[in-house]
């Protein structure tokens, strides 16, 4: 007589690891520095699947402005200003939050 043993079959789905967003920075470099601004963009937009360009429009002691673009689109200009004292490193995360909040990324 033949004995049948039930078997357990497990299927594992492997997904490729998420790739980091491709972020390119262009534009002016001044008071805070484009490298510092780009580092902030990398932290803020790392989960994006689109190739992004951060265009730094102004990097002055009292004004930081930029816009974000991607293939086929561009977000609005976002400004961070301080009328009475020079901007410091806290302006970069505020700028990135403004860009993320005002832009519908693909």
Protein backbone atom coordinates (compact mmCIF):
# COMPACT_ATOMS: atom_id res chain seq x y z
CA UNK A 1 0.00 0.00 0.00
CA UNK A 2 1.22 3.47 -0.86
CA UNK A 3 1.24 6.21 1.76
CA UNK A 4 0.67 9.86 0.72
CA UNK A 5 2.32 12.62 2.72
CA UNK A 6 1.05 16.18 2.33
CA UNK A 7 3.76 18.60 1.28
CA UNK A 8 4.10 22.25 2.13
CA UNK A 9 5.09 24.44 -0.76
CA UNK A 10 6.51 27.89 -0.06
CA UNK A 11 7.01 30.47 -2.73
CA UNK A 12 9.25 33.37 -2.02
CA UNK A 13 9.11 36.45 -4.16
CA UNK A 14 12.32 38.39 -4.36
CA UNK A 15 12.20 41.98 -5.42
CA UNK A 16 15.13 44.01 -6.55
CA UNK A 17 16.33 46.49 -3.96
CA UNK A 18 15.02 50.00 -4.43
CA UNK A 19 17.39 52.18 -6.37
CA UNK A 20 18.37 55.55 -5.05
CA UNK A 21 16.95 58.55 -6.79
CA UNK A 22 19.14 60.14 -9.40
CA UNK A 23 19.49 63.78 -8.41
CA UNK A 24 21.44 66.34 -10.37
CA UNK A 25 22.13 69.86 -9.12
CA UNK A 26 22.62 72.89 -11.29
CA UNK A 27 22.65 76.63 -10.89
CA UNK A 28 24.44 79.06 -8.65
CA UNK A 29 26.62 78.30 -5.65
CA UNK A 30 27.11 81.00 -3.08
CA UNK A 31 26.42 81.58 0.59
CA UNK A 32 25.45 78.04 1.68
CA UNK A 33 27.01 76.22 -1.28
CA UNK A 34 25.46 74.04 -3.94
CA UNK A 35 27.05 70.88 -2.47
CA UNK A 36 25.28 71.44 0.84
CA UNK A 37 21.98 72.11 -0.92
CA UNK A 38 22.38 69.00 -3.08
CA UNK A 39 23.10 66.86 -0.03
CA UNK A 40 19.80 68.06 1.45
CA UNK A 41 18.03 67.15 -1.79
CA UNK A 42 19.49 63.66 -1.65
CA UNK A 43 18.09 63.13 1.83
CA UNK A 44 14.66 64.55 1.01
CA UNK A 45 14.07 62.94 -2.38
CA UNK A 46 15.94 59.62 -1.98
CA UNK A 47 12.72 57.61 -2.28
CA UNK A 48 11.70 59.20 -5.58
CA UNK A 49 11.80 56.98 -8.63
CA UNK A 50 12.21 59.88 -11.07
CA UNK A 51 15.49 61.40 -12.20
CA UNK A 52 15.39 64.87 -10.68
CA UNK A 53 17.21 68.14 -11.22
CA UNK A 54 17.46 70.70 -8.45
CA UNK A 55 18.11 74.11 -9.98
CA UNK A 56 19.52 76.52 -7.41
CA UNK A 57 18.32 79.97 -8.48
CA UNK A 58 19.66 82.08 -5.59
CA UNK A 59 22.11 81.28 -2.82
CA UNK A 60 22.59 84.60 -1.05
CA UNK A 61 22.96 85.42 2.64
CA UNK A 62 19.29 86.38 3.00
CA UNK A 63 17.62 84.37 0.22
CA UNK A 64 17.79 80.76 -0.94
CA UNK A 65 15.61 79.67 -3.84
CA UNK A 66 15.36 76.67 -6.11
CA UNK A 67 13.01 74.66 -8.26
CA UNK A 68 12.86 70.98 -9.01
CA UNK A 69 12.52 69.49 -12.46
CA UNK A 70 12.19 66.06 -14.07
CA UNK A 71 11.76 64.73 -17.57
CA UNK A 72 8.67 66.47 -18.89
CA UNK A 73 7.94 68.66 -15.89
CA UNK A 74 9.03 71.35 -13.50
CA UNK A 75 7.84 72.49 -10.11
CA UNK A 76 7.40 76.06 -8.90
CA UNK A 77 10.15 78.25 -7.54
CA UNK A 78 10.45 77.96 -3.76
CA UNK A 79 12.13 80.65 -1.65
CA UNK A 80 13.45 80.69 1.90
CA UNK A 81 14.26 84.19 3.16
CA UNK A 82 15.47 85.88 6.29
CA UNK A 83 15.20 89.66 6.27
CA UNK A 84 17.18 90.37 9.43
CA UNK A 85 20.01 87.82 9.57
CA UNK A 86 21.94 85.54 7.20
CA UNK A 87 20.52 82.10 6.50
CA UNK A 88 22.22 79.13 8.09
CA UNK A 89 22.13 75.37 7.46
CA UNK A 90 18.52 75.14 8.70
CA UNK A 91 17.42 76.87 5.51
CA UNK A 92 18.28 73.82 3.37
CA UNK A 93 15.76 71.40 4.96
CA UNK A 94 13.12 74.15 4.87
CA UNK A 95 13.80 74.65 1.17
CA UNK A 96 13.58 70.91 0.48
CA UNK A 97 10.32 70.61 2.44
CA UNK A 98 8.93 73.49 0.40
CA UNK A 99 9.98 71.84 -2.85
CA UNK A 100 8.49 68.50 -1.84
CA UNK A 101 5.26 70.05 -0.59
CA UNK A 102 4.66 72.23 -3.65
CA UNK A 103 5.55 69.72 -6.34
CA UNK A 104 3.63 66.68 -7.60
CA UNK A 105 6.47 64.40 -8.61
CA UNK A 106 5.83 61.67 -11.17
